[in-house]
């Protein structure tokens, strides 16, 4: 990577089609993204679904990437990985084979039709905050402050770190 590198954090989640295998394979897919390098991958976490009840638990993780892709280029690359994993967008919060969310891109603030940075609900999700803090304990969320400061807000959400 010759250009200036940017630090991006990506949330991974799945609750269909062997979600443990899906999220592990998605981590490998992130390591193969163009003009990007996988820096760290959190442990896997089992979490309760948010929104629609009665669906299977999710397996979640967060990855840190160094990338020279622009934010929208990175988003397109993440969507391409989702499609390779059979992702369908039938309705909001539907069960999924893979969900990749761009959480942070440096400390950029962005509000476009396709992408909002930081991710607008990341600070309200234990399945994001717990793995994010594992790999970036000093992480700051633009306009929200320290990611660790949001732990009390998500403390009632079930999140279980899985053994390696």
N, C-alpha and C. Protein backbone atom coordinates (compact mmCIF):
# COMPACT_ATOMS: atom_id res chain seq x y z
N UNK A 1 0.86 -1.18 0.00
CA UNK A 1 0.00 0.00 0.00
C UNK A 1 0.90 1.24 0.00
N UNK A 2 0.91 1.95 -1.12
CA UNK A 2 1.77 3.11 -1.26
C UNK A 2 1.13 4.38 -0.75
N UNK A 3 -0.19 4.50 -0.89
CA UNK A 3 -0.87 5.71 -0.46
C UNK A 3 -0.98 5.73 1.07
N UNK A 4 -1.42 6.87 1.59
CA UNK A 4 -1.65 6.98 3.02
C UNK A 4 -2.72 5.98 3.45
N UNK A 5 -2.43 5.27 4.51
CA UNK A 5 -3.33 4.24 4.99
C UNK A 5 -4.31 4.82 6.01
N UNK A 6 -5.50 4.29 6.02
CA UNK A 6 -6.55 4.70 6.95
C UNK A 6 -6.91 3.51 7.84
N UNK A 7 -7.33 3.80 9.05
CA UNK A 7 -7.75 2.77 9.99
C UNK A 7 -9.27 2.65 9.95
N UNK A 8 -9.74 1.46 9.64
CA UNK A 8 -11.18 1.21 9.58
C UNK A 8 -11.52 0.04 10.50
N UNK A 9 -12.69 0.12 11.11
CA UNK A 9 -13.20 -0.97 11.92
C UNK A 9 -14.48 -1.49 11.28
N UNK A 10 -14.57 -2.82 11.19
CA UNK A 10 -15.69 -3.48 10.53
C UNK A 10 -16.30 -4.48 11.50
N UNK A 11 -17.63 -4.43 11.65
CA UNK A 11 -18.35 -5.42 12.46
C UNK A 11 -18.76 -6.57 11.55
N UNK A 12 -18.62 -7.79 12.07
CA UNK A 12 -19.01 -9.01 11.36
C UNK A 12 -20.08 -9.70 12.17
N UNK A 13 -21.10 -10.23 11.51
CA UNK A 13 -22.14 -10.96 12.22
C UNK A 13 -22.85 -11.93 11.30
N UNK A 14 -23.32 -13.04 11.89
CA UNK A 14 -24.07 -14.05 11.14
C UNK A 14 -24.90 -14.87 12.12
N UNK A 15 -26.07 -15.32 11.65
CA UNK A 15 -26.85 -16.27 12.46
C UNK A 15 -27.51 -17.35 11.60
N UNK A 16 -27.06 -17.51 10.38
CA UNK A 16 -27.55 -18.57 9.49
C UNK A 16 -26.36 -19.34 8.91
N UNK A 17 -26.63 -20.58 8.49
CA UNK A 17 -25.66 -21.37 7.72
C UNK A 17 -24.32 -21.50 8.45
N UNK A 18 -24.36 -22.10 9.63
CA UNK A 18 -23.15 -22.29 10.43
C UNK A 18 -22.44 -20.97 10.71
N UNK A 19 -23.03 -20.13 11.53
CA UNK A 19 -22.50 -18.78 11.74
C UNK A 19 -21.06 -18.73 12.25
N UNK A 20 -20.64 -19.69 13.08
CA UNK A 20 -19.24 -19.70 13.52
C UNK A 20 -18.31 -19.80 12.30
N UNK A 21 -18.61 -20.73 11.43
CA UNK A 21 -17.80 -20.92 10.23
C UNK A 21 -17.89 -19.69 9.33
N UNK A 22 -19.08 -19.11 9.20
CA UNK A 22 -19.27 -17.94 8.33
C UNK A 22 -18.41 -16.77 8.80
N UNK A 23 -18.43 -16.48 10.09
CA UNK A 23 -17.69 -15.31 10.59
C UNK A 23 -16.19 -15.56 10.50
N UNK A 24 -15.75 -16.77 10.80
CA UNK A 24 -14.31 -17.07 10.64
C UNK A 24 -13.88 -16.90 9.19
N UNK A 25 -14.67 -17.44 8.27
CA UNK A 25 -14.34 -17.32 6.84
C UNK A 25 -14.41 -15.87 6.39
N UNK A 26 -15.33 -15.10 6.93
CA UNK A 26 -15.42 -13.68 6.58
C UNK A 26 -14.17 -12.93 7.03
N UNK A 27 -13.62 -13.30 8.18
CA UNK A 27 -12.36 -12.70 8.62
C UNK A 27 -11.25 -12.96 7.61
N UNK A 28 -11.21 -14.18 7.08
CA UNK A 28 -10.22 -14.51 6.05
C UNK A 28 -10.49 -13.70 4.78
N UNK A 29 -11.76 -13.51 4.45
CA UNK A 29 -12.11 -12.71 3.26
C UNK A 29 -11.67 -11.26 3.45
N UNK A 30 -11.81 -10.73 4.65
CA UNK A 30 -11.37 -9.35 4.90
C UNK A 30 -9.86 -9.23 4.73
N UNK A 31 -9.15 -10.28 5.11
CA UNK A 31 -7.68 -10.26 4.95
C UNK A 31 -7.30 -10.20 3.48
N UNK A 32 -8.21 -10.57 2.58
CA UNK A 32 -7.93 -10.55 1.15
C UNK A 32 -8.48 -9.36 0.40
N UNK A 33 -9.02 -8.39 1.12
CA UNK A 33 -9.56 -7.20 0.44
C UNK A 33 -8.47 -6.45 -0.29
N UNK A 34 -8.78 -5.88 -1.45
CA UNK A 34 -7.76 -5.12 -2.19
C UNK A 34 -7.34 -3.87 -1.41
N UNK A 35 -6.06 -3.53 -1.57
CA UNK A 35 -5.51 -2.29 -0.99
C UNK A 35 -5.80 -2.18 0.51
N UNK A 36 -5.87 -3.33 1.17
CA UNK A 36 -6.19 -3.36 2.60
C UNK A 36 -5.38 -4.45 3.27
N UNK A 37 -5.21 -4.29 4.58
CA UNK A 37 -4.50 -5.28 5.37
C UNK A 37 -5.26 -5.48 6.67
N UNK A 38 -5.54 -6.72 7.01
CA UNK A 38 -6.20 -7.03 8.27
C UNK A 38 -5.18 -6.85 9.39
N UNK A 39 -5.48 -5.95 10.33
CA UNK A 39 -4.57 -5.69 11.44
C UNK A 39 -4.87 -6.58 12.64
N UNK A 40 -6.15 -6.66 12.99
CA UNK A 40 -6.57 -7.44 14.16
C UNK A 40 -7.99 -7.92 13.95
N UNK A 41 -8.26 -9.06 14.55
CA UNK A 41 -9.62 -9.61 14.55
C UNK A 41 -9.93 -9.98 15.99
N UNK A 42 -11.08 -9.57 16.47
CA UNK A 42 -11.47 -9.88 17.84
C UNK A 42 -11.80 -11.36 17.98
N UNK A 43 -12.01 -11.75 19.21
CA UNK A 43 -12.59 -13.06 19.48
C UNK A 43 -13.99 -13.08 18.88
N UNK A 44 -14.58 -14.27 18.84
CA UNK A 44 -15.97 -14.39 18.42
C UNK A 44 -16.86 -14.28 19.66
N UNK A 45 -18.03 -13.70 19.46
CA UNK A 45 -18.99 -13.48 20.54
C UNK A 45 -20.35 -14.02 20.13
N UNK A 46 -21.02 -14.70 21.05
CA UNK A 46 -22.41 -15.13 20.83
C UNK A 46 -23.30 -14.07 21.46
N UNK A 47 -24.26 -13.58 20.67
CA UNK A 47 -25.11 -12.49 21.15
C UNK A 47 -26.56 -12.74 20.78
N UNK A 48 -27.43 -12.16 21.56
CA UNK A 48 -28.87 -12.25 21.28
C UNK A 48 -29.20 -11.34 20.11
N UNK A 49 -30.16 -11.74 19.29
CA UNK A 49 -30.58 -10.86 18.18
C UNK A 49 -31.20 -9.58 18.72
N UNK A 50 -31.00 -8.50 17.99
CA UNK A 50 -31.57 -7.20 18.34
C UNK A 50 -32.73 -6.93 17.40
N UNK A 51 -33.85 -6.52 17.94
CA UNK A 51 -34.99 -6.16 17.10
C UNK A 51 -36.00 -7.28 16.97
N UNK A 52 -35.75 -8.21 16.07
CA UNK A 52 -36.70 -9.29 15.80
C UNK A 52 -36.38 -10.48 16.69
N UNK A 53 -37.29 -10.86 17.53
CA UNK A 53 -37.08 -11.96 18.46
C UNK A 53 -37.48 -13.27 17.79
N UNK A 54 -37.03 -14.38 18.39
CA UNK A 54 -37.39 -15.68 17.86
C UNK A 54 -36.44 -16.18 16.78
N UNK A 55 -35.37 -15.46 16.50
CA UNK A 55 -34.39 -15.96 15.55
C UNK A 55 -33.16 -16.44 16.33
N UNK A 56 -32.30 -17.18 15.67
CA UNK A 56 -31.13 -17.76 16.30
C UNK A 56 -30.17 -16.67 16.78
N UNK A 57 -29.37 -17.02 17.80
CA UNK A 57 -28.32 -16.12 18.26
C UNK A 57 -27.36 -15.80 17.12
N UNK A 58 -26.68 -14.69 17.26
CA UNK A 58 -25.67 -14.27 16.29
C UNK A 58 -24.28 -14.61 16.79
N UNK A 59 -23.38 -14.78 15.86
CA UNK A 59 -21.95 -14.81 16.14
C UNK A 59 -21.41 -13.51 15.58
N UNK A 60 -20.70 -12.76 16.42
CA UNK A 60 -20.20 -11.44 16.04
C UNK A 60 -18.71 -11.33 16.31
N UNK A 61 -18.09 -10.38 15.64
CA UNK A 61 -16.69 -10.03 15.84
C UNK A 61 -16.48 -8.63 15.28
N UNK A 62 -15.32 -8.06 15.55
CA UNK A 62 -14.92 -6.79 14.95
C UNK A 62 -13.50 -6.95 14.43
N UNK A 63 -13.26 -6.39 13.25
CA UNK A 63 -11.94 -6.43 12.63
C UNK A 63 -11.42 -5.01 12.45
N UNK A 64 -10.12 -4.85 12.58
CA UNK A 64 -9.44 -3.59 12.30
C UNK A 64 -8.67 -3.77 11.00
N UNK A 65 -8.84 -2.82 10.08
CA UNK A 65 -8.17 -2.86 8.77
C UNK A 65 -7.36 -1.60 8.55
N UNK A 66 -6.22 -1.76 7.93
CA UNK A 66 -5.50 -0.63 7.34
C UNK A 66 -5.88 -0.67 5.86
N UNK A 67 -6.31 0.45 5.32
CA UNK A 67 -6.76 0.46 3.93
C UNK A 67 -6.43 1.77 3.25
N UNK A 68 -6.21 1.68 1.94
CA UNK A 68 -6.10 2.89 1.13
C UNK A 68 -7.37 3.09 0.31
N UNK A 69 -8.34 2.21 0.47
CA UNK A 69 -9.64 2.40 -0.17
C UNK A 69 -10.35 3.59 0.46
N UNK A 70 -11.05 4.37 -0.34
CA UNK A 70 -11.90 5.43 0.19
C UNK A 70 -13.09 4.78 0.89
N UNK A 71 -13.79 5.50 1.77
CA UNK A 71 -14.89 4.88 2.52
C UNK A 71 -15.93 4.17 1.65
N UNK A 72 -16.37 4.81 0.57
CA UNK A 72 -17.39 4.17 -0.28
C UNK A 72 -16.82 2.98 -1.05
N UNK A 73 -15.54 3.04 -1.41
CA UNK A 73 -14.90 1.89 -2.05
C UNK A 73 -14.82 0.71 -1.07
N UNK A 74 -14.49 1.00 0.17
CA UNK A 74 -14.43 -0.05 1.19
C UNK A 74 -15.82 -0.64 1.41
N UNK A 75 -16.83 0.21 1.48
CA UNK A 75 -18.20 -0.27 1.63
C UNK A 75 -18.57 -1.21 0.48
N UNK A 76 -18.25 -0.82 -0.75
CA UNK A 76 -18.54 -1.67 -1.91
C UNK A 76 -17.81 -3.02 -1.80
N UNK A 77 -16.58 -3.00 -1.33
CA UNK A 77 -15.82 -4.24 -1.16
C UNK A 77 -16.47 -5.12 -0.09
N UNK A 78 -16.97 -4.51 1.00
CA UNK A 78 -17.66 -5.28 2.04
C UNK A 78 -18.95 -5.88 1.51
N UNK A 79 -19.71 -5.12 0.73
CA UNK A 79 -20.94 -5.65 0.13
C UNK A 79 -20.64 -6.82 -0.81
N UNK A 80 -19.52 -6.74 -1.54
CA UNK A 80 -19.14 -7.83 -2.44
C UNK A 80 -18.85 -9.10 -1.64
N UNK A 81 -18.20 -8.96 -0.49
CA UNK A 81 -17.95 -10.12 0.37
C UNK A 81 -19.28 -10.69 0.87
N UNK A 82 -20.18 -9.82 1.32
CA UNK A 82 -21.49 -10.29 1.77
C UNK A 82 -22.19 -11.10 0.68
N UNK A 83 -22.17 -10.61 -0.54
CA UNK A 83 -22.82 -11.32 -1.64
C UNK A 83 -22.20 -12.69 -1.87
N UNK A 84 -20.86 -12.77 -1.78
CA UNK A 84 -20.18 -14.07 -1.94
C UNK A 84 -20.63 -15.05 -0.86
N UNK A 85 -21.02 -14.55 0.29
CA UNK A 85 -21.47 -15.39 1.38
C UNK A 85 -22.98 -15.62 1.36
N UNK A 86 -23.64 -15.18 0.30
CA UNK A 86 -25.08 -15.43 0.15
C UNK A 86 -25.97 -14.48 0.90
N UNK A 87 -25.49 -13.30 1.23
CA UNK A 87 -26.30 -12.32 1.97
C UNK A 87 -27.48 -11.87 1.14
N UNK A 88 -28.65 -11.89 1.77
CA UNK A 88 -29.87 -11.33 1.18
C UNK A 88 -30.39 -10.25 2.10
N UNK A 89 -31.04 -9.26 1.54
CA UNK A 89 -31.59 -8.15 2.33
C UNK A 89 -33.10 -8.14 2.16
N UNK A 90 -33.75 -9.18 2.72
CA UNK A 90 -35.20 -9.34 2.56
C UNK A 90 -35.98 -8.28 3.34
N UNK A 91 -35.54 -7.99 4.57
CA UNK A 91 -36.18 -6.97 5.40
C UNK A 91 -35.19 -6.58 6.50
N UNK A 92 -35.36 -5.39 7.09
CA UNK A 92 -34.42 -4.95 8.13
C UNK A 92 -34.36 -5.94 9.29
N UNK A 93 -33.15 -6.17 9.79
CA UNK A 93 -32.87 -7.03 10.94
C UNK A 93 -33.23 -8.50 10.69
N UNK A 94 -33.31 -8.89 9.42
CA UNK A 94 -33.60 -10.29 9.07
C UNK A 94 -32.41 -11.16 9.45
N UNK A 95 -32.65 -12.45 9.68
CA UNK A 95 -31.53 -13.38 9.85
C UNK A 95 -30.61 -13.28 8.63
N UNK A 96 -29.32 -13.55 8.84
CA UNK A 96 -28.40 -13.37 7.71
C UNK A 96 -27.21 -14.33 7.77
N UNK A 97 -26.72 -14.65 6.57
CA UNK A 97 -25.53 -15.48 6.46
C UNK A 97 -24.29 -14.68 6.81
N UNK A 98 -24.31 -13.39 6.52
CA UNK A 98 -23.19 -12.51 6.86
C UNK A 98 -23.63 -11.07 6.78
N UNK A 99 -23.22 -10.32 7.79
CA UNK A 99 -23.46 -8.88 7.83
C UNK A 99 -22.13 -8.22 8.12
N UNK A 100 -21.70 -7.32 7.26
CA UNK A 100 -20.48 -6.54 7.46
C UNK A 100 -20.85 -5.07 7.52
N UNK A 101 -20.57 -4.45 8.63
CA UNK A 101 -20.88 -3.03 8.81
C UNK A 101 -19.59 -2.24 9.00
N UNK A 102 -19.42 -1.20 8.20
CA UNK A 102 -18.31 -0.28 8.38
C UNK A 102 -18.65 0.62 9.57
N UNK A 103 -17.91 0.46 10.65
CA UNK A 103 -18.19 1.18 11.89
C UNK A 103 -17.50 2.53 11.93
N UNK A 104 -16.20 2.51 11.70
CA UNK A 104 -15.37 3.70 11.80
C UNK A 104 -14.36 3.71 10.66
N UNK A 105 -14.03 4.90 10.21
CA UNK A 105 -12.99 5.10 9.19
C UNK A 105 -12.20 6.29 9.68
N UNK A 106 -11.03 6.02 10.27
CA UNK A 106 -10.29 7.04 11.00
C UNK A 106 -11.27 7.69 11.99
N UNK A 107 -11.27 8.99 12.06
CA UNK A 107 -12.25 9.69 12.90
C UNK A 107 -13.23 10.48 12.02
N UNK A 108 -13.45 9.96 10.82
CA UNK A 108 -14.27 10.65 9.82
C UNK A 108 -15.74 10.71 10.23
N UNK A 109 -16.33 11.85 9.95
CA UNK A 109 -17.78 12.04 10.03
C UNK A 109 -18.29 12.09 8.61
N UNK A 110 -19.27 11.25 8.30
CA UNK A 110 -19.80 11.17 6.94
C UNK A 110 -21.28 10.83 7.03
N UNK A 111 -22.08 11.54 6.27
CA UNK A 111 -23.51 11.26 6.22
C UNK A 111 -23.96 11.37 4.77
N UNK A 112 -23.89 10.23 4.07
CA UNK A 112 -24.31 10.19 2.68
C UNK A 112 -25.51 9.25 2.58
N UNK A 113 -26.07 9.18 1.40
CA UNK A 113 -27.23 8.31 1.19
C UNK A 113 -26.88 6.84 1.47
N UNK A 114 -25.65 6.44 1.18
CA UNK A 114 -25.24 5.03 1.31
C UNK A 114 -24.47 4.72 2.58
N UNK A 115 -23.90 5.72 3.22
CA UNK A 115 -22.98 5.44 4.32
C UNK A 115 -22.99 6.55 5.35
N UNK A 116 -23.10 6.13 6.61
CA UNK A 116 -22.99 7.07 7.73
C UNK A 116 -21.84 6.62 8.61
N UNK A 117 -20.94 7.55 8.89
CA UNK A 117 -19.80 7.29 9.77
C UNK A 117 -19.74 8.34 10.85
N UNK A 118 -19.53 7.93 12.11
CA UNK A 118 -19.48 6.54 12.52
C UNK A 118 -20.84 5.86 12.32
N UNK A 119 -20.82 4.51 12.37
CA UNK A 119 -22.08 3.78 12.23
C UNK A 119 -23.05 4.33 13.27
N UNK A 120 -24.27 4.68 12.88
CA UNK A 120 -25.16 5.43 13.77
C UNK A 120 -25.63 4.70 15.03
N UNK A 121 -25.57 3.38 15.08
CA UNK A 121 -26.04 2.66 16.27
C UNK A 121 -24.95 1.84 16.95
N UNK A 122 -23.72 2.00 16.52
CA UNK A 122 -22.66 1.15 17.06
C UNK A 122 -22.50 1.28 18.56
N UNK A 123 -22.69 2.47 19.09
CA UNK A 123 -22.49 2.70 20.53
C UNK A 123 -23.61 2.10 21.38
N UNK A 124 -24.69 1.66 20.73
CA UNK A 124 -25.84 1.08 21.45
C UNK A 124 -25.90 -0.43 21.34
N UNK A 125 -24.86 -1.06 20.81
CA UNK A 125 -24.86 -2.49 20.56
C UNK A 125 -23.70 -3.18 21.29
N UNK A 126 -24.03 -4.03 22.25
CA UNK A 126 -23.00 -4.78 22.98
C UNK A 126 -22.19 -5.64 22.02
N UNK A 127 -22.84 -6.16 20.96
CA UNK A 127 -22.13 -7.02 20.03
C UNK A 127 -21.11 -6.26 19.19
N UNK A 128 -21.12 -4.94 19.26
CA UNK A 128 -20.09 -4.12 18.62
C UNK A 128 -19.08 -3.64 19.67
N UNK A 129 -19.58 -3.09 20.76
CA UNK A 129 -18.71 -2.47 21.76
C UNK A 129 -17.76 -3.49 22.39
N UNK A 130 -18.25 -4.67 22.77
CA UNK A 130 -17.39 -5.65 23.44
C UNK A 130 -16.21 -6.08 22.54
N UNK A 131 -16.46 -6.55 21.31
CA UNK A 131 -15.30 -6.94 20.49
C UNK A 131 -14.44 -5.75 20.05
N UNK A 132 -15.03 -4.59 19.86
CA UNK A 132 -14.26 -3.40 19.50
C UNK A 132 -13.27 -3.06 20.61
N UNK A 133 -13.73 -3.07 21.85
CA UNK A 133 -12.84 -2.74 22.96
C UNK A 133 -11.77 -3.81 23.18
N UNK A 134 -12.07 -5.04 22.80
CA UNK A 134 -11.05 -6.09 22.91
C UNK A 134 -9.84 -5.77 22.04
N UNK A 135 -10.06 -5.28 20.83
CA UNK A 135 -8.95 -5.03 19.91
C UNK A 135 -8.49 -3.57 19.90
N UNK A 136 -9.30 -2.67 20.43
CA UNK A 136 -8.94 -1.24 20.45
C UNK A 136 -9.47 -0.61 21.74
N UNK A 137 -8.86 -0.93 22.88
CA UNK A 137 -9.40 -0.48 24.17
C UNK A 137 -9.48 1.04 24.33
N UNK A 138 -8.69 1.77 23.57
CA UNK A 138 -8.70 3.24 23.67
C UNK A 138 -9.52 3.89 22.56
N UNK A 139 -10.30 3.11 21.85
CA UNK A 139 -11.06 3.61 20.70
C UNK A 139 -11.99 4.75 21.10
N UNK A 140 -12.03 5.74 20.22
CA UNK A 140 -12.95 6.86 20.40
C UNK A 140 -13.91 6.88 19.22
N UNK A 141 -15.16 7.17 19.52
CA UNK A 141 -16.20 7.28 18.50
C UNK A 141 -16.48 8.76 18.29
N UNK A 142 -16.29 9.25 17.07
CA UNK A 142 -16.54 10.68 16.84
C UNK A 142 -17.92 11.11 17.33
N UNK A 143 -17.94 12.23 18.00
CA UNK A 143 -19.15 12.84 18.58
C UNK A 143 -19.75 12.03 19.73
N UNK A 144 -19.14 10.91 20.09
CA UNK A 144 -19.68 10.07 21.17
C UNK A 144 -18.66 9.84 22.28
N UNK A 145 -17.39 10.11 22.01
CA UNK A 145 -16.36 9.93 23.02
C UNK A 145 -15.82 8.52 23.06
N UNK A 146 -15.33 8.15 24.22
CA UNK A 146 -14.71 6.85 24.41
C UNK A 146 -15.72 5.73 24.20
N UNK A 147 -15.31 4.70 23.44
CA UNK A 147 -16.19 3.54 23.25
C UNK A 147 -16.45 2.87 24.59
N UNK A 148 -15.45 2.84 25.46
CA UNK A 148 -15.61 2.20 26.78
C UNK A 148 -16.69 2.89 27.62
N UNK A 149 -16.89 4.18 27.41
CA UNK A 149 -17.91 4.90 28.19
C UNK A 149 -19.32 4.40 27.87
N UNK A 150 -19.48 3.67 26.77
CA UNK A 150 -20.80 3.17 26.37
C UNK A 150 -21.10 1.78 26.94
N UNK A 151 -20.14 1.16 27.63
CA UNK A 151 -20.40 -0.15 28.21
C UNK A 151 -21.62 -0.18 29.13
N UNK A 152 -21.80 0.80 30.03
CA UNK A 152 -23.00 0.76 30.88
C UNK A 152 -24.30 0.79 30.08
N UNK A 153 -24.31 1.49 28.96
CA UNK A 153 -25.53 1.59 28.16
C UNK A 153 -25.92 0.26 27.51
N UNK A 154 -24.95 -0.63 27.33
CA UNK A 154 -25.23 -1.91 26.67
C UNK A 154 -25.11 -3.09 27.62
N UNK A 155 -24.96 -2.82 28.92
CA UNK A 155 -24.65 -3.88 29.89
C UNK A 155 -25.77 -4.91 30.05
N UNK A 156 -26.99 -4.58 29.67
CA UNK A 156 -28.09 -5.53 29.82
C UNK A 156 -28.29 -6.41 28.59
N UNK A 157 -27.52 -6.15 27.54
CA UNK A 157 -27.59 -6.97 26.33
C UNK A 157 -26.68 -8.19 26.52
N UNK A 158 -27.19 -9.35 26.17
CA UNK A 158 -26.43 -10.60 26.35
C UNK A 158 -25.33 -10.70 25.30
N UNK A 159 -24.10 -10.83 25.77
CA UNK A 159 -22.94 -11.01 24.91
C UNK A 159 -21.99 -11.95 25.62
N UNK A 160 -21.59 -13.01 24.93
CA UNK A 160 -20.74 -14.03 25.52
C UNK A 160 -19.52 -14.25 24.63
N UNK A 161 -18.35 -13.98 25.18
CA UNK A 161 -17.11 -14.21 24.43
C UNK A 161 -16.86 -15.71 24.34
N UNK A 162 -16.61 -16.21 23.14
CA UNK A 162 -16.40 -17.63 22.93
C UNK A 162 -14.92 -17.97 23.05
N UNK A 163 -14.65 -19.16 23.52
CA UNK A 163 -13.26 -19.62 23.62
C UNK A 163 -12.70 -19.77 22.20
N UNK A 164 -11.40 -19.51 22.03
CA UNK A 164 -10.79 -19.61 20.69
C UNK A 164 -10.88 -21.00 20.09
